[in-house]
Protein backbone atom coordinates (compact mmCIF):
# COMPACT_ATOMS: atom_id res chain seq x y z
CA MET A 1 -35.22 186.18 94.47
CA GLU A 2 -37.69 185.38 91.66
CA GLU A 3 -35.57 182.34 89.05
CA LYS A 4 -35.30 183.62 85.51
CA GLU A 5 -37.34 182.01 83.25
CA ILE A 6 -35.22 180.11 80.54
CA SER A 7 -36.68 179.70 77.47
CA GLN A 8 -37.00 175.88 75.85
CA ALA A 9 -34.86 176.68 73.19
CA VAL A 10 -31.91 177.37 75.66
CA ILE A 11 -33.26 174.34 77.64
CA GLY A 12 -33.04 172.48 74.40
CA ARG A 13 -29.22 173.32 73.47
CA LEU A 14 -27.97 172.63 77.12
CA PRO A 15 -27.72 168.52 76.68
CA ARG A 16 -25.80 169.36 73.55
CA TYR A 17 -23.48 172.05 75.42
CA PHE A 18 -23.20 169.04 78.04
CA ARG A 19 -22.48 166.02 75.40
CA TYR A 20 -19.95 168.09 73.25
CA LEU A 21 -18.16 169.36 76.81
CA GLY A 22 -17.87 165.89 78.07
CA GLU A 23 -16.21 164.81 74.84
CA LEU A 24 -13.72 167.67 75.04
CA LYS A 25 -13.10 166.74 78.93
CA ASP A 26 -12.33 162.81 78.13
CA GLN A 27 -9.48 164.62 75.11
CA GLY A 28 -8.28 166.27 77.76
CA VAL A 29 -8.81 169.94 76.52
CA GLU A 30 -8.92 172.20 79.60
CA ARG A 31 -10.34 175.23 78.15
CA ILE A 32 -12.05 176.40 75.18
CA SER A 33 -13.44 179.79 73.72
CA SER A 34 -16.72 180.61 72.69
CA GLN A 35 -15.32 181.16 69.35
CA GLU A 36 -13.90 177.17 69.63
CA LEU A 37 -16.94 176.02 70.66
CA SER A 38 -19.13 177.70 67.80
CA ARG A 39 -16.86 176.00 65.11
CA ILE A 40 -17.27 172.39 66.82
CA MET A 41 -20.84 172.54 67.55
CA HIS A 42 -22.07 174.85 64.58
CA VAL A 43 -23.68 177.12 66.83
CA THR A 44 -22.69 181.07 66.50
CA ALA A 45 -20.31 182.09 69.47
CA SER A 46 -22.73 184.72 69.95
CA GLN A 47 -25.60 182.33 70.61
CA ILE A 48 -23.35 180.27 73.34
CA ARG A 49 -22.60 183.51 75.06
CA GLN A 50 -26.21 184.44 75.35
CA ASP A 51 -27.03 180.62 76.36
CA PHE A 52 -24.54 180.63 79.16
CA ASN A 53 -25.66 184.22 80.34
CA ASN A 54 -28.88 182.66 81.45
CA PHE A 55 -26.87 180.79 84.13
CA GLY A 56 -24.40 183.38 84.83
CA GLY A 57 -21.70 183.18 82.18
CA PHE A 58 -19.31 180.71 83.13
CA GLY A 59 -16.34 182.20 81.23
CA GLN A 60 -13.85 185.00 81.72
CA GLN A 61 -12.63 187.46 79.83
CA GLY A 62 -9.39 186.75 77.69
CA TYR A 63 -9.45 183.16 78.96
CA GLY A 64 -12.86 181.49 77.83
CA TYR A 65 -14.44 178.50 79.54
CA ASN A 66 -12.71 175.81 81.75
CA VAL A 67 -14.29 172.77 80.21
CA GLU A 68 -14.59 170.39 83.53
CA TYR A 69 -15.91 173.53 85.13
CA LEU A 70 -18.76 174.63 82.94
CA TYR A 71 -19.41 170.62 81.90
CA THR A 72 -19.94 170.28 85.69
CA GLU A 73 -22.22 172.99 86.11
CA ILE A 74 -24.59 172.51 82.80
CA GLY A 75 -24.60 168.55 84.62
CA LYS A 76 -25.83 170.17 87.83
CA ILE A 77 -28.20 172.61 85.79
CA LEU A 78 -29.50 169.47 83.59
CA GLY A 79 -29.79 167.36 86.84
CA MET A 80 -27.28 165.18 86.37
CA HIS A 81 -25.66 164.92 89.83
CA LYS A 82 -28.97 163.52 90.78
CA LYS A 83 -30.07 160.10 90.22
CA HIS A 84 -33.24 158.89 88.33
CA ASN A 85 -35.02 155.96 88.77
CA LEU A 86 -37.38 155.05 85.58
CA VAL A 87 -39.86 152.05 84.74
CA ILE A 88 -40.72 151.58 81.10
CA VAL A 89 -43.99 150.56 80.06
CA GLY A 90 -44.28 148.41 76.93
CA ALA A 91 -41.59 145.67 76.63
CA GLY A 92 -41.65 145.44 72.84
CA HIS A 93 -39.23 146.55 70.55
CA LEU A 94 -38.48 149.85 71.42
CA GLY A 95 -39.15 149.29 75.19
CA GLN A 96 -36.30 146.88 74.77
CA ALA A 97 -33.81 148.77 72.96
CA LEU A 98 -34.23 151.62 75.62
CA ALA A 99 -33.92 149.18 78.53
CA ASN A 100 -30.52 147.87 76.50
CA TYR A 101 -28.93 151.40 76.24
CA MET A 102 -26.66 151.63 78.99
CA ASN A 103 -26.04 155.29 78.53
CA PHE A 104 -29.35 156.00 80.39
CA GLU A 105 -27.22 154.61 83.79
CA ARG A 106 -24.08 156.40 82.65
CA ARG A 107 -26.38 159.68 82.78
CA GLY A 108 -27.84 158.64 86.46
CA PHE A 109 -31.41 157.51 84.49
CA LEU A 110 -31.52 153.87 86.26
CA ILE A 111 -33.96 151.35 84.79
CA LYS A 112 -35.62 149.51 87.70
CA GLY A 113 -38.65 148.05 85.82
CA LEU A 114 -40.01 146.60 82.60
CA PHE A 115 -43.87 146.38 82.29
CA ASP A 116 -46.46 144.89 79.73
CA GLN A 117 -49.90 143.61 79.50
CA ASP A 118 -49.00 140.80 77.13
CA THR A 119 -48.66 137.99 79.65
CA SER A 120 -46.44 135.79 77.30
CA LEU A 121 -43.56 138.36 78.01
CA THR A 122 -44.03 137.72 81.71
CA GLY A 123 -40.52 136.71 83.30
CA MET A 124 -38.40 137.68 80.35
CA LEU A 125 -35.24 139.04 80.97
CA VAL A 126 -33.89 142.47 79.00
CA ARG A 127 -30.59 143.02 80.64
CA GLY A 128 -31.14 141.33 83.48
CA ILE A 129 -34.55 143.17 84.40
CA PRO A 130 -37.48 140.71 84.09
CA VAL A 131 -40.72 141.99 82.62
CA ARG A 132 -43.12 142.39 84.67
CA PRO A 133 -47.06 142.41 84.41
CA MET A 134 -49.68 145.65 84.44
CA GLU A 135 -51.18 144.42 87.69
CA GLU A 136 -47.94 144.94 89.48
CA LEU A 137 -46.87 148.53 88.56
CA GLU A 138 -48.57 150.65 91.15
CA ASN A 139 -46.73 148.34 93.81
CA PHE A 140 -43.65 148.39 92.23
CA ILE A 141 -43.75 152.09 92.05
CA LEU A 142 -44.29 153.25 95.35
CA GLU A 143 -41.95 150.03 96.54
CA ASN A 144 -38.61 151.54 94.55
CA GLU A 145 -39.11 155.35 94.60
CA ILE A 146 -39.68 156.03 90.88
CA ASP A 147 -39.32 159.39 89.30
CA ILE A 148 -39.97 158.86 85.76
CA GLY A 149 -42.61 156.57 83.60
CA VAL A 150 -41.33 155.85 80.35
CA LEU A 151 -44.33 154.91 77.77
CA THR A 152 -43.54 152.77 74.84
CA ILE A 153 -46.95 151.16 74.37
CA PRO A 154 -49.49 152.47 71.61
CA LYS A 155 -51.40 155.43 71.84
CA GLU A 156 -54.69 153.87 72.98
CA GLY A 157 -52.72 152.58 76.55
CA ALA A 158 -50.92 155.66 76.49
CA ILE A 159 -53.83 157.88 78.43
CA PRO A 160 -55.28 155.08 80.82
CA VAL A 161 -51.52 154.03 81.78
CA SER A 162 -50.14 157.68 82.63
CA LYS A 163 -53.02 158.39 84.93
CA ARG A 164 -51.96 155.38 86.69
CA LEU A 165 -48.23 156.45 86.73
CA VAL A 166 -49.41 160.05 87.93
CA LYS A 167 -51.72 158.53 90.63
CA CYS A 168 -48.49 156.88 91.85
CA GLY A 169 -46.72 160.36 92.26
CA VAL A 170 -44.40 159.49 89.36
CA LYS A 171 -42.52 163.28 88.47
CA ALA A 172 -42.35 163.16 85.16
CA ILE A 173 -43.44 161.06 81.53
CA TRP A 174 -41.55 160.33 78.79
CA ASN A 175 -43.58 159.36 76.29
CA PHE A 176 -43.04 157.79 72.97
CA ALA A 177 -47.00 157.02 72.33
CA HIS A 178 -47.99 159.25 69.45
CA VAL A 179 -51.03 161.07 71.67
CA ASP A 180 -50.64 164.21 73.81
CA LEU A 181 -51.11 163.66 77.50
CA ASP A 182 -53.19 165.60 80.14
CA VAL A 183 -51.41 165.63 82.98
CA PRO A 184 -51.61 167.65 86.23
CA GLU A 185 -49.38 170.77 86.69
CA GLY A 186 -46.13 169.71 88.10
CA VAL A 187 -45.73 166.52 86.24
CA GLN A 188 -43.42 166.99 83.21
CA VAL A 189 -43.87 165.70 80.01
CA GLU A 190 -41.44 164.84 77.08
CA ASN A 191 -43.04 163.87 73.78
CA VAL A 192 -40.82 161.58 71.72
CA HIS A 193 -42.97 161.63 68.32
CA LEU A 194 -40.59 159.83 65.56
CA SER A 195 -42.68 160.00 62.90
CA ASP A 196 -42.32 163.91 63.76
CA SER A 197 -39.12 163.66 63.48
CA LEU A 198 -38.93 161.86 60.29
CA MET A 199 -41.44 164.27 58.59
CA LYS A 200 -38.64 167.15 59.48
CA LEU A 201 -35.82 165.38 57.91
CA SER A 202 -38.11 164.82 54.80
CA TYR A 203 -38.93 168.71 55.10
CA ASN A 204 -35.54 169.46 55.04
CA ILE A 205 -34.39 167.00 51.97
CA THR A 206 -37.06 168.78 50.08
CA ARG A 207 -36.25 172.14 50.73
CA PHE A 208 -32.62 171.47 49.93
CA GLU A 209 -33.61 169.66 46.79
CA LYS A 210 -35.62 172.52 45.71
CA GLU A 211 -32.16 175.00 46.75
CA GLN A 212 -29.90 172.94 44.20
CA ARG A 213 -32.35 173.22 41.04
């Protein structure tokens, strides 16, 4: 049977559901209704039910949702039951901040290597991970079964480095460089444009100020 196509909007909400359900589970909450989850997350109960119905529903009439079960199932949908090996290309401030973020490992994202073209950084340890020169990138990826490449480098270097990652069989790229990458079908790219996010925030501030006049 052909798998149902899920919209990117629904997929974009799944990590937030996963995070809130994890917090509820840690608080000892055993079950929750869509209305209660709606109040916590500021998403309509109807939207929550529609989102979950894309994957089979998960709830029971008159009972609501079993928090631990729902947390586990959404985790499976997101692939959280798997381990992913990462390399970070770019050992500047952003690359180091990402390497130091312990929550990645709790989610199964294992940072195996750090790389930078600046040879003065070679050998520097970031949370016990040595920065390696770029000429070691290909061999390291192949030897350590790297799934994901993280780009925290200027945009002029991102395209050639992305091609090197793809050639080595990397399945996905988490791209912080402000440039769109042209990759083969089957290689997943998630772009994180920090300035775009700030501009969106600026727009919302401006809109709110106009509404208050």
